[in-house]
PDB file of all heavy atoms in Angstrom:
ATOM      1  N   PRO A   1       0.780  -1.244   0.052  1.00  0.00           N
ATOM      2  CA  PRO A   1       0.049  -0.025  -0.026  1.00  0.00           C
ATOM      3  C   PRO A   1       0.863   1.317   0.037  1.00  0.00           C
ATOM      4  O   PRO A   1       1.698   1.372   0.807  1.00  0.00           O
ATOM      5  CB  PRO A   1      -0.811  -0.161   1.317  1.00  0.00           C
ATOM      6  CG  PRO A   1      -0.954  -1.582   1.550  1.00  0.00           C
ATOM      7  CD  PRO A   1       0.321  -2.232   1.052  1.00  0.00           C
ATOM      8  N   GLY A   2       0.572   2.240  -1.014  1.00  0.00           N
ATOM      9  CA  GLY A   2       1.259   3.482  -1.030  1.00  0.00           C
ATOM     10  C   GLY A   2       2.660   3.270  -1.728  1.00  0.00           C
ATOM     11  O   GLY A   2       3.243   4.329  -1.802  1.00  0.00           O
ATOM     12  N   ASN A   3       3.022   2.146  -2.106  1.00  0.00           N
ATOM     13  CA  ASN A   3       4.276   2.001  -2.757  1.00  0.00           C
ATOM     14  C   ASN A   3       4.226   1.642  -4.312  1.00  0.00           C
ATOM     15  O   ASN A   3       3.141   1.366  -4.696  1.00  0.00           O
ATOM     16  CB  ASN A   3       5.044   0.814  -2.036  1.00  0.00           C
ATOM     17  CG  ASN A   3       5.527   1.168  -0.634  1.00  0.00           C
ATOM     18  OD1 ASN A   3       5.301   2.241  -0.207  1.00  0.00           O
ATOM     19  ND2 ASN A   3       6.302   0.186  -0.053  1.00  0.00           N
ATOM     20  N   GLU A   4       5.240   1.884  -4.935  1.00  0.00           N
ATOM     21  CA  GLU A   4       5.456   1.585  -6.261  1.00  0.00           C
ATOM     22  C   GLU A   4       5.499  -0.004  -6.531  1.00  0.00           C
ATOM     23  O   GLU A   4       5.867  -0.626  -5.485  1.00  0.00           O
ATOM     24  CB  GLU A   4       6.652   2.225  -6.923  1.00  0.00           C
ATOM     25  CG  GLU A   4       6.644   3.707  -6.952  1.00  0.00           C
ATOM     26  CD  GLU A   4       5.909   4.205  -8.096  1.00  0.00           C
ATOM     27  OE1 GLU A   4       5.387   3.524  -8.897  1.00  0.00           O
ATOM     28  OE2 GLU A   4       5.882   5.568  -8.239  1.00  0.00           O
ATOM     29  N   ARG A   5       5.231  -0.415  -7.640  1.00  0.00           N
ATOM     30  CA  ARG A   5       5.435  -1.839  -7.893  1.00  0.00           C
ATOM     31  C   ARG A   5       7.046  -2.167  -7.823  1.00  0.00           C
ATOM     32  O   ARG A   5       7.884  -1.381  -8.249  1.00  0.00           O
ATOM     33  CB  ARG A   5       5.034  -2.166  -9.383  1.00  0.00           C
ATOM     34  CG  ARG A   5       3.469  -1.877  -9.656  1.00  0.00           C
ATOM     35  CD  ARG A   5       3.014  -2.440 -10.985  1.00  0.00           C
ATOM     36  NE  ARG A   5       3.933  -2.258 -12.008  1.00  0.00           N
ATOM     37  CZ  ARG A   5       3.730  -2.757 -13.238  1.00  0.00           C
ATOM     38  NH1 ARG A   5       2.912  -3.683 -13.419  1.00  0.00           N
ATOM     39  NH2 ARG A   5       4.696  -2.511 -14.233  1.00  0.00           N
ATOM     40  N   GLU A   6       7.304  -3.323  -7.275  1.00  0.00           N
ATOM     41  CA  GLU A   6       8.640  -3.752  -7.149  1.00  0.00           C
ATOM     42  C   GLU A   6       8.791  -5.135  -7.807  1.00  0.00           C
ATOM     43  O   GLU A   6       8.233  -6.079  -7.321  1.00  0.00           O
ATOM     44  CB  GLU A   6       9.015  -3.844  -5.660  1.00  0.00           C
ATOM     45  CG  GLU A   6      10.322  -4.366  -5.313  1.00  0.00           C
ATOM     46  CD  GLU A   6      10.704  -4.630  -3.877  1.00  0.00           C
ATOM     47  OE1 GLU A   6       9.701  -4.758  -3.126  1.00  0.00           O
ATOM     48  OE2 GLU A   6      11.902  -4.543  -3.535  1.00  0.00           O
ATOM     49  N   GLY A   7       9.595  -5.190  -8.843  1.00  0.00           N
ATOM     50  CA  GLY A   7      10.001  -6.424  -9.433  1.00  0.00           C
ATOM     51  C   GLY A   7      10.801  -7.254  -8.450  1.00  0.00           C
ATOM     52  O   GLY A   7      11.835  -6.705  -8.038  1.00  0.00           O
ATOM     53  N   ILE A   8      10.544  -8.532  -8.142  1.00  0.00           N
ATOM     54  CA  ILE A   8      11.347  -9.315  -7.181  1.00  0.00           C
ATOM     55  C   ILE A   8      11.999 -10.421  -7.824  1.00  0.00           C
ATOM     56  O   ILE A   8      12.928 -11.054  -7.262  1.00  0.00           O
ATOM     57  CB  ILE A   8      10.380  -9.712  -5.928  1.00  0.00           C
ATOM     58  CG1 ILE A   8       9.233 -10.463  -6.404  1.00  0.00           C
ATOM     59  CG2 ILE A   8      10.117  -8.437  -5.211  1.00  0.00           C
ATOM     60  CD1 ILE A   8       8.448 -10.926  -5.245  1.00  0.00           C
ATOM     61  N   SER A   9      11.372 -11.054  -8.817  1.00  0.00           N
ATOM     62  CA  SER A   9      12.060 -12.360  -9.369  1.00  0.00           C
ATOM     63  C   SER A   9      11.572 -12.533 -10.760  1.00  0.00           C
ATOM     64  O   SER A   9      10.528 -12.142 -11.141  1.00  0.00           O
ATOM     65  CB  SER A   9      11.709 -13.480  -8.505  1.00  0.00           C
ATOM     66  OG  SER A   9      12.362 -14.746  -8.864  1.00  0.00           O
ATOM     67  N   CYS A  10      12.440 -13.373 -11.459  1.00  0.00           N
ATOM     68  CA  CYS A  10      12.062 -13.618 -12.896  1.00  0.00           C
ATOM     69  C   CYS A  10      12.821 -14.933 -13.340  1.00  0.00           C
ATOM     70  O   CYS A  10      13.961 -15.124 -12.814  1.00  0.00           O
ATOM     71  CB  CYS A  10      12.519 -12.431 -13.886  1.00  0.00           C
ATOM     72  SG  CYS A  10      12.120 -12.931 -15.608  1.00  0.00           S
ATOM     73  N   LEU A  11      12.104 -15.789 -14.007  1.00  0.00           N
ATOM     74  CA  LEU A  11      12.746 -17.060 -14.544  1.00  0.00           C
ATOM     75  C   LEU A  11      12.649 -16.982 -16.040  1.00  0.00           C
ATOM     76  O   LEU A  11      11.534 -16.961 -16.565  1.00  0.00           O
ATOM     77  CB  LEU A  11      11.939 -18.266 -14.032  1.00  0.00           C
ATOM     78  CG  LEU A  11      12.287 -19.628 -14.584  1.00  0.00           C
ATOM     79  CD1 LEU A  11      13.814 -19.861 -14.384  1.00  0.00           C
ATOM     80  CD2 LEU A  11      11.342 -20.679 -13.939  1.00  0.00           C
ATOM     81  N   SER A  12      13.797 -16.912 -16.596  1.00  0.00           N
ATOM     82  CA  SER A  12      13.852 -16.830 -18.081  1.00  0.00           C
ATOM     83  C   SER A  12      13.652 -18.087 -18.744  1.00  0.00           C
ATOM     84  O   SER A  12      14.222 -19.036 -18.363  1.00  0.00           O
ATOM     85  CB  SER A  12      15.207 -16.226 -18.498  1.00  0.00           C
ATOM     86  OG  SER A  12      15.365 -16.380 -19.975  1.00  0.00           O
ATOM     87  N   THR A  13      12.610 -18.113 -19.581  1.00  0.00           N
ATOM     88  CA  THR A  13      12.313 -19.453 -20.225  1.00  0.00           C
ATOM     89  C   THR A  13      13.435 -19.879 -21.143  1.00  0.00           C
ATOM     90  O   THR A  13      13.682 -20.959 -21.337  1.00  0.00           O
ATOM     91  CB  THR A  13      10.888 -19.352 -21.043  1.00  0.00           C
ATOM     92  OG1 THR A  13       9.873 -19.034 -20.074  1.00  0.00           O
ATOM     93  CG2 THR A  13      10.666 -20.611 -21.804  1.00  0.00           C
ATOM     94  N   SER A  14      14.111 -18.954 -21.904  1.00  0.00           N
ATOM     95  CA  SER A  14      15.069 -19.196 -22.961  1.00  0.00           C
ATOM     96  C   SER A  14      16.265 -19.890 -22.340  1.00  0.00           C
ATOM     97  O   SER A  14      16.815 -20.873 -22.923  1.00  0.00           O
ATOM     98  CB  SER A  14      15.486 -17.917 -23.661  1.00  0.00           C
ATOM     99  OG  SER A  14      16.071 -16.971 -22.634  1.00  0.00           O
ATOM    100  N   ASP A  15      16.731 -19.476 -21.084  1.00  0.00           N
ATOM    101  CA  ASP A  15      18.001 -20.103 -20.666  1.00  0.00           C
ATOM    102  C   ASP A  15      17.864 -20.547 -19.275  1.00  0.00           C
ATOM    103  O   ASP A  15      18.753 -20.889 -18.508  1.00  0.00           O
ATOM    104  CB  ASP A  15      19.158 -19.172 -20.833  1.00  0.00           C
ATOM    105  CG  ASP A  15      18.899 -17.769 -20.079  1.00  0.00           C
ATOM    106  OD1 ASP A  15      17.805 -17.735 -19.403  1.00  0.00           O
ATOM    107  OD2 ASP A  15      19.819 -16.920 -20.289  1.00  0.00           O
ATOM    108  N   SER A  16      16.607 -20.425 -18.653  1.00  0.00           N
ATOM    109  CA  SER A  16      16.483 -20.935 -17.279  1.00  0.00           C
ATOM    110  C   SER A  16      17.202 -20.069 -16.224  1.00  0.00           C
ATOM    111  O   SER A  16      17.403 -20.517 -15.109  1.00  0.00           O
ATOM    112  CB  SER A  16      16.629 -22.399 -17.066  1.00  0.00           C
ATOM    113  OG  SER A  16      15.822 -23.177 -17.791  1.00  0.00           O
ATOM    114  N   ASN A  17      17.582 -18.929 -16.701  1.00  0.00           N
ATOM    115  CA  ASN A  17      18.372 -18.040 -15.833  1.00  0.00           C
ATOM    116  C   ASN A  17      17.290 -17.392 -14.743  1.00  0.00           C
ATOM    117  O   ASN A  17      16.219 -17.036 -15.197  1.00  0.00           O
ATOM    118  CB  ASN A  17      19.020 -16.913 -16.619  1.00  0.00           C
ATOM    119  CG  ASN A  17      19.919 -16.017 -15.704  1.00  0.00           C
ATOM    120  OD1 ASN A  17      20.554 -16.553 -14.771  1.00  0.00           O
ATOM    121  ND2 ASN A  17      19.867 -14.772 -15.869  1.00  0.00           N
ATOM    122  N   THR A  18      17.737 -17.377 -13.506  1.00  0.00           N
ATOM    123  CA  THR A  18      16.739 -16.718 -12.502  1.00  0.00           C
ATOM    124  C   THR A  18      17.445 -15.427 -12.045  1.00  0.00           C
ATOM    125  O   THR A  18      18.652 -15.242 -11.899  1.00  0.00           O
ATOM    126  CB  THR A  18      16.712 -17.547 -11.237  1.00  0.00           C
ATOM    127  OG1 THR A  18      17.978 -17.940 -10.794  1.00  0.00           O
ATOM    128  CG2 THR A  18      15.903 -18.950 -11.689  1.00  0.00           C
ATOM    129  N   VAL A  19      16.663 -14.434 -11.881  1.00  0.00           N
ATOM    130  CA  VAL A  19      16.935 -13.153 -11.306  1.00  0.00           C
ATOM    131  C   VAL A  19      16.092 -12.781 -10.026  1.00  0.00           C
ATOM    132  O   VAL A  19      14.973 -13.050 -10.051  1.00  0.00           O
ATOM    133  CB  VAL A  19      16.679 -12.007 -12.354  1.00  0.00           C
ATOM    134  CG1 VAL A  19      17.171 -10.759 -12.016  1.00  0.00           C
ATOM    135  CG2 VAL A  19      17.331 -12.460 -13.782  1.00  0.00           C
ATOM    136  N   TYR A  20      16.685 -12.130  -9.124  1.00  0.00           N
ATOM    137  CA  TYR A  20      16.132 -11.701  -7.768  1.00  0.00           C
ATOM    138  C   TYR A  20      16.610 -10.373  -7.503  1.00  0.00           C
ATOM    139  O   TYR A  20      17.709  -9.963  -7.694  1.00  0.00           O
ATOM    140  CB  TYR A  20      16.513 -12.656  -6.612  1.00  0.00           C
ATOM    141  CG  TYR A  20      16.101 -14.122  -6.838  1.00  0.00           C
ATOM    142  CD1 TYR A  20      16.958 -15.004  -7.377  1.00  0.00           C
ATOM    143  CD2 TYR A  20      14.994 -14.578  -6.582  1.00  0.00           C
ATOM    144  CE1 TYR A  20      16.680 -16.367  -7.597  1.00  0.00           C
ATOM    145  CE2 TYR A  20      14.475 -15.902  -6.664  1.00  0.00           C
ATOM    146  CZ  TYR A  20      15.360 -16.804  -7.176  1.00  0.00           C
ATOM    147  OH  TYR A  20      15.052 -18.099  -7.472  1.00  0.00           O
ATOM    148  N   THR A  21      15.679  -9.640  -6.918  1.00  0.00           N
ATOM    149  CA  THR A  21      16.077  -8.260  -6.373  1.00  0.00           C
ATOM    150  C   THR A  21      16.794  -8.536  -5.044  1.00  0.00           C
ATOM    151  O   THR A  21      16.587  -9.589  -4.365  1.00  0.00           O
ATOM    152  CB  THR A  21      14.828  -7.409  -6.135  1.00  0.00           C
ATOM    153  OG1 THR A  21      15.218  -5.977  -5.875  1.00  0.00           O
ATOM    154  CG2 THR A  21      13.931  -7.834  -5.032  1.00  0.00           C
ATOM    155  N   ASP A  22      17.596  -7.552  -4.747  1.00  0.00           N
ATOM    156  CA  ASP A  22      18.457  -7.847  -3.563  1.00  0.00           C
ATOM    157  C   ASP A  22      17.768  -8.054  -2.173  1.00  0.00           C
ATOM    158  O   ASP A  22      18.148  -8.883  -1.429  1.00  0.00           O
ATOM    159  CB  ASP A  22      19.407  -6.546  -3.332  1.00  0.00           C
ATOM    160  CG  ASP A  22      20.445  -6.385  -4.293  1.00  0.00           C
ATOM    161  OD1 ASP A  22      20.686  -7.443  -5.069  1.00  0.00           O
ATOM    162  OD2 ASP A  22      21.035  -5.349  -4.414  1.00  0.00           O
ATOM    163  N   SER A  23      16.608  -7.555  -2.013  1.00  0.00           N
ATOM    164  CA  SER A  23      15.857  -7.693  -0.805  1.00  0.00           C
ATOM    165  C   SER A  23      15.216  -9.102  -0.584  1.00  0.00           C
ATOM    166  O   SER A  23      14.844  -9.411   0.593  1.00  0.00           O
ATOM    167  CB  SER A  23      14.733  -6.722  -0.739  1.00  0.00           C
ATOM    168  OG  SER A  23      13.792  -6.841  -1.770  1.00  0.00           O
ATOM    169  N   VAL A  24      15.263  -9.862  -1.531  1.00  0.00           N
ATOM    170  CA  VAL A  24      14.786 -11.261  -1.413  1.00  0.00           C
ATOM    171  C   VAL A  24      15.751 -12.328  -1.657  1.00  0.00           C
ATOM    172  O   VAL A  24      15.380 -13.550  -1.557  1.00  0.00           O
ATOM    173  CB  VAL A  24      13.439 -11.456  -2.312  1.00  0.00           C
ATOM    174  CG1 VAL A  24      12.424 -10.389  -1.988  1.00  0.00           C
ATOM    175  CG2 VAL A  24      13.820 -11.690  -3.776  1.00  0.00           C
ATOM    176  N   LYS A  25      16.872 -11.961  -2.031  1.00  0.00           N
ATOM    177  CA  LYS A  25      17.988 -12.900  -2.434  1.00  0.00           C
ATOM    178  C   LYS A  25      18.298 -13.726  -1.240  1.00  0.00           C
ATOM    179  O   LYS A  25      18.419 -13.179  -0.101  1.00  0.00           O
ATOM    180  CB  LYS A  25      19.220 -12.223  -2.902  1.00  0.00           C
ATOM    181  CG  LYS A  25      19.280 -11.741  -4.389  1.00  0.00           C
ATOM    182  CD  LYS A  25      20.521 -11.158  -4.736  1.00  0.00           C
ATOM    183  CE  LYS A  25      20.465 -10.562  -6.197  1.00  0.00           C
ATOM    184  NZ  LYS A  25      21.668 -10.005  -6.570  1.00  0.00           N
ATOM    185  N   GLY A  26      18.390 -15.135  -1.371  1.00  0.00           N
ATOM    186  CA  GLY A  26      18.636 -16.054  -0.338  1.00  0.00           C
ATOM    187  C   GLY A  26      17.473 -16.418   0.520  1.00  0.00           C
ATOM    188  O   GLY A  26      17.547 -17.324   1.257  1.00  0.00           O
ATOM    189  N   ARG A  27      16.296 -15.708   0.257  1.00  0.00           N
ATOM    190  CA  ARG A  27      15.195 -16.019   0.959  1.00  0.00           C
ATOM    191  C   ARG A  27      14.002 -16.657  -0.067  1.00  0.00           C
ATOM    192  O   ARG A  27      13.211 -17.453   0.462  1.00  0.00           O
ATOM    193  CB  ARG A  27      14.552 -14.952   1.788  1.00  0.00           C
ATOM    194  CG  ARG A  27      15.500 -14.321   2.775  1.00  0.00           C
ATOM    195  CD  ARG A  27      15.016 -13.180   3.562  1.00  0.00           C
ATOM    196  NE  ARG A  27      14.491 -12.096   2.937  1.00  0.00           N
ATOM    197  CZ  ARG A  27      13.160 -11.593   2.823  1.00  0.00           C
ATOM    198  NH1 ARG A  27      12.286 -12.165   3.493  1.00  0.00           N
ATOM    199  NH2 ARG A  27      12.858 -10.591   2.090  1.00  0.00           N
ATOM    200  N   PHE A  28      13.869 -15.981  -1.122  1.00  0.00           N
ATOM    201  CA  PHE A  28      12.907 -16.491  -2.153  1.00  0.00           C
ATOM    202  C   PHE A  28      13.457 -17.265  -3.298  1.00  0.00           C
ATOM    203  O   PHE A  28      14.697 -17.007  -3.642  1.00  0.00           O
ATOM    204  CB  PHE A  28      12.279 -15.284  -2.772  1.00  0.00           C
ATOM    205  CG  PHE A  28      11.439 -14.432  -1.761  1.00  0.00           C
ATOM    206  CD1 PHE A  28      11.439 -14.571  -0.437  1.00  0.00           C
ATOM    207  CD2 PHE A  28      10.638 -13.495  -2.367  1.00  0.00           C
ATOM    208  CE1 PHE A  28      10.679 -13.793   0.397  1.00  0.00           C
ATOM    209  CE2 PHE A  28       9.764 -12.695  -1.559  1.00  0.00           C
ATOM    210  CZ  PHE A  28       9.715 -12.902  -0.185  1.00  0.00           C
ATOM    211  N   THR A  29      12.704 -18.248  -3.729  1.00  0.00           N
ATOM    212  CA  THR A  29      13.146 -19.129  -4.808  1.00  0.00           C
ATOM    213  C   THR A  29      12.046 -19.274  -5.828  1.00  0.00           C
ATOM    214  O   THR A  29      10.895 -19.574  -5.491  1.00  0.00           O
ATOM    215  CB  THR A  29      13.572 -20.495  -4.313  1.00  0.00           C
ATOM    216  OG1 THR A  29      14.529 -20.363  -3.260  1.00  0.00           O
ATOM    217  CG2 THR A  29      14.134 -21.488  -5.426  1.00  0.00           C
ATOM    218  N   ILE A  30      12.349 -18.967  -7.067  1.00  0.00           N
ATOM    219  CA  ILE A  30      11.490 -19.103  -8.165  1.00  0.00           C
ATOM    220  C   ILE A  30      11.712 -20.420  -8.866  1.00  0.00           C
ATOM    221  O   ILE A  30      12.868 -20.834  -9.032  1.00  0.00           O
ATOM    222  CB  ILE A  30      11.524 -17.887  -9.143  1.00  0.00           C
ATOM    223  CG1 ILE A  30      10.329 -17.984 -10.138  1.00  0.00           C
ATOM    224  CG2 ILE A  30      12.936 -17.845  -9.898  1.00  0.00           C
ATOM    225  CD1 ILE A  30      10.218 -16.680 -11.035  1.00  0.00           C
ATOM    226  N   SER A  31      10.646 -21.025  -9.318  1.00  0.00           N
ATOM    227  CA  SER A  31      10.859 -22.353  -9.965  1.00  0.00           C
ATOM    228  C   SER A  31       9.576 -22.630 -10.833  1.00  0.00           C
ATOM    229  O   SER A  31       8.664 -21.915 -10.923  1.00  0.00           O
ATOM    230  CB  SER A  31      11.054 -23.511  -8.957  1.00  0.00           C
ATOM    231  OG  SER A  31       9.846 -23.715  -8.184  1.00  0.00           O
ATOM    232  N   ARG A  32       9.749 -23.738 -11.704  1.00  0.00           N
ATOM    233  CA  ARG A  32       8.519 -24.056 -12.450  1.00  0.00           C
ATOM    234  C   ARG A  32       8.403 -25.523 -12.558  1.00  0.00           C
ATOM    235  O   ARG A  32       9.406 -26.283 -12.417  1.00  0.00           O
ATOM    236  CB  ARG A  32       8.609 -23.504 -13.942  1.00  0.00           C
ATOM    237  CG  ARG A  32       9.825 -23.979 -14.684  1.00  0.00           C
ATOM    238  CD  ARG A  32       9.738 -23.595 -16.155  1.00  0.00           C
ATOM    239  NE  ARG A  32      10.821 -23.973 -16.943  1.00  0.00           N
ATOM    240  CZ  ARG A  32      11.756 -23.143 -17.244  1.00  0.00           C
ATOM    241  NH1 ARG A  32      11.679 -21.901 -17.074  1.00  0.00           N
ATOM    242  NH2 ARG A  32      12.858 -23.521 -18.012  1.00  0.00           N
ATOM    243  N   ASP A  33       7.210 -26.021 -12.757  1.00  0.00           N
ATOM    244  CA  ASP A  33       6.887 -27.441 -12.977  1.00  0.00           C
ATOM    245  C   ASP A  33       6.210 -27.525 -14.412  1.00  0.00           C
ATOM    246  O   ASP A  33       5.002 -27.199 -14.444  1.00  0.00           O
ATOM    247  CB  ASP A  33       6.043 -27.949 -11.855  1.00  0.00           C
ATOM    248  CG  ASP A  33       5.671 -29.417 -11.973  1.00  0.00           C
ATOM    249  OD1 ASP A  33       5.736 -29.975 -13.053  1.00  0.00           O
ATOM    250  OD2 ASP A  33       5.410 -30.039 -10.955  1.00  0.00           O
ATOM    251  N   ASN A  34       6.997 -27.899 -15.223  1.00  0.00           N
ATOM    252  CA  ASN A  34       6.505 -27.974 -16.646  1.00  0.00           C
ATOM    253  C   ASN A  34       5.311 -28.841 -16.888  1.00  0.00           C
ATOM    254  O   ASN A  34       4.460 -28.623 -17.583  1.00  0.00           O
ATOM    255  CB  ASN A  34       7.635 -28.326 -17.624  1.00  0.00           C
ATOM    256  CG  ASN A  34       8.704 -27.237 -17.787  1.00  0.00           C
ATOM    257  OD1 ASN A  34       8.288 -26.030 -17.668  1.00  0.00           O
ATOM    258  ND2 ASN A  34       9.805 -27.597 -18.054  1.00  0.00           N
ATOM    259  N   ALA A  35       5.393 -29.968 -16.129  1.00  0.00           N
ATOM    260  CA  ALA A  35       4.276 -30.949 -16.229  1.00  0.00           C
ATOM    261  C   ALA A  35       2.987 -30.376 -15.859  1.00  0.00           C
ATOM    262  O   ALA A  35       1.893 -30.728 -16.292  1.00  0.00           O
ATOM    263  CB  ALA A  35       4.576 -32.131 -15.484  1.00  0.00           C
ATOM    264  N   LYS A  36       3.008 -29.473 -14.863  1.00  0.00           N
ATOM    265  CA  LYS A  36       1.805 -28.978 -14.213  1.00  0.00           C
ATOM    266  C   LYS A  36       1.581 -27.615 -14.745  1.00  0.00           C
ATOM    267  O   LYS A  36       0.518 -26.760 -14.388  1.00  0.00           O
ATOM    268  CB  LYS A  36       1.887 -28.752 -12.760  1.00  0.00           C
ATOM    269  CG  LYS A  36       1.972 -30.112 -11.999  1.00  0.00           C
ATOM    270  CD  LYS A  36       1.937 -29.987 -10.532  1.00  0.00           C
ATOM    271  CE  LYS A  36       2.039 -31.275  -9.831  1.00  0.00           C
ATOM    272  NZ  LYS A  36       2.061 -31.328  -8.333  1.00  0.00           N
ATOM    273  N   ASN A  37       2.445 -27.036 -15.711  1.00  0.00           N
ATOM    274  CA  ASN A  37       2.254 -25.695 -16.285  1.00  0.00           C
ATOM    275  C   ASN A  37       2.164 -24.602 -15.205  1.00  0.00           C
ATOM    276  O   ASN A  37       1.374 -23.717 -15.313  1.00  0.00           O
ATOM    277  CB  ASN A  37       1.093 -25.668 -17.207  1.00  0.00           C
ATOM    278  CG  ASN A  37       1.061 -24.452 -18.116  1.00  0.00           C
ATOM    279  OD1 ASN A  37       2.047 -23.848 -18.463  1.00  0.00           O
ATOM    280  ND2 ASN A  37      -0.183 -23.885 -18.300  1.00  0.00           N
ATOM    281  N   THR A  38       2.920 -24.876 -14.158  1.00  0.00           N
ATOM    282  CA  THR A  38       2.824 -24.002 -13.030  1.00  0.00           C
ATOM    283  C   THR A  38       4.133 -23.461 -12.623  1.00  0.00           C
ATOM    284  O   THR A  38       5.261 -24.151 -12.597  1.00  0.00           O
ATOM    285  CB  THR A  38       2.168 -24.786 -11.811  1.00  0.00           C
ATOM    286  OG1 THR A  38       0.865 -25.245 -12.144  1.00  0.00           O
ATOM    287  CG2 THR A  38       1.952 -23.776 -10.616  1.00  0.00           C
ATOM    288  N   HIS A  39       4.175 -22.098 -12.250  1.00  0.00           N
ATOM    289  CA  HIS A  39       5.386 -21.510 -11.654  1.00  0.00           C
ATOM    290  C   HIS A  39       5.155 -21.226 -10.210  1.00  0.00           C
ATOM    291  O   HIS A  39       3.952 -21.153  -9.805  1.00  0.00           O
ATOM    292  CB  HIS A  39       5.719 -20.253 -12.423  1.00  0.00           C
ATOM    293  CG  HIS A  39       6.116 -20.414 -13.744  1.00  0.00           C
ATOM    294  ND1 HIS A  39       5.368 -20.890 -14.765  1.00  0.00           N
ATOM    295  CD2 HIS A  39       7.438 -20.261 -14.384  1.00  0.00           C
ATOM    296  CE1 HIS A  39       6.043 -20.918 -15.947  1.00  0.00           C
ATOM    297  NE2 HIS A  39       7.350 -20.592 -15.684  1.00  0.00           N
ATOM    298  N   TYR A  40       6.250 -21.202  -9.410  1.00  0.00           N
ATOM    299  CA  TYR A  40       6.145 -21.078  -7.987  1.00  0.00           C
ATOM    300  C   TYR A  40       7.037 -19.918  -7.487  1.00  0.00           C
ATOM    301  O   TYR A  40       8.117 -19.673  -8.111  1.00  0.00           O
ATOM    302  CB  TYR A  40       6.531 -22.393  -7.242  1.00  0.00           C
ATOM    303  CG  TYR A  40       5.536 -23.584  -7.670  1.00  0.00           C
ATOM    304  CD1 TYR A  40       6.197 -24.522  -8.594  1.00  0.00           C
ATOM    305  CD2 TYR A  40       4.377 -23.726  -7.043  1.00  0.00           C
ATOM    306  CE1 TYR A  40       5.364 -25.600  -9.013  1.00  0.00           C
ATOM    307  CE2 TYR A  40       3.600 -24.897  -7.513  1.00  0.00           C
ATOM    308  CZ  TYR A  40       4.113 -25.793  -8.417  1.00  0.00           C
ATOM    309  OH  TYR A  40       3.256 -26.796  -8.763  1.00  0.00           O
ATOM    310  N   LEU A  41       6.806 -19.445  -6.290  1.00  0.00           N
ATOM    311  CA  LEU A  41       7.645 -18.503  -5.756  1.00  0.00           C
ATOM    312  C   LEU A  41       7.744 -19.001  -4.183  1.00  0.00           C
ATOM    313  O   LEU A  41       6.662 -18.920  -3.474  1.00  0.00           O
ATOM    314  CB  LEU A  41       7.181 -17.012  -5.738  1.00  0.00           C
ATOM    315  CG  LEU A  41       8.110 -16.103  -5.076  1.00  0.00           C
ATOM    316  CD1 LEU A  41       9.479 -15.978  -5.811  1.00  0.00           C
ATOM    317  CD2 LEU A  41       7.658 -14.696  -4.857  1.00  0.00           C
ATOM    318  N   GLN A  42       8.799 -19.750  -3.873  1.00  0.00           N
ATOM    319  CA  GLN A  42       8.878 -20.202  -2.474  1.00  0.00           C
ATOM    320  C   GLN A  42       9.437 -19.013  -1.699  1.00  0.00           C
ATOM    321  O   GLN A  42      10.577 -18.541  -2.025  1.00  0.00           O
ATOM    322  CB  GLN A  42       9.763 -21.379  -2.394  1.00  0.00           C
ATOM    323  CG  GLN A  42      10.073 -22.036  -1.004  1.00  0.00           C
ATOM    324  CD  GLN A  42       8.879 -22.467  -0.332  1.00  0.00           C
ATOM    325  OE1 GLN A  42       8.059 -23.184  -0.873  1.00  0.00           O
ATOM    326  NE2 GLN A  42       8.748 -22.176   0.976  1.00  0.00           N
ATOM    327  N   MET A  43       8.805 -18.582  -0.534  1.00  0.00           N
ATOM    328  CA  MET A  43       9.120 -17.543   0.266  1.00  0.00           C
ATOM    329  C   MET A  43       9.455 -18.045   1.611  1.00  0.00           C
ATOM    330  O   MET A  43       8.510 -18.495   2.217  1.00  0.00           O
ATOM    331  CB  MET A  43       8.138 -16.415   0.211  1.00  0.00           C
ATOM    332  CG  MET A  43       7.706 -15.971  -1.131  1.00  0.00           C
ATOM    333  SD  MET A  43       6.543 -14.580  -1.135  1.00  0.00           S
ATOM    334  CE  MET A  43       5.173 -15.409  -0.204  1.00  0.00           C
TER     335      MET A  43
END
């Protein structure tokens, strides 16, 4: 509330590279399950 949008994580489909903003590094993990067509953010 009252804040700008903050990008926190991204999983590149082309090379499976993962990117995190500094405030969540080491705490959040992005992943995907292709069989379920689902992406996850473990926090």
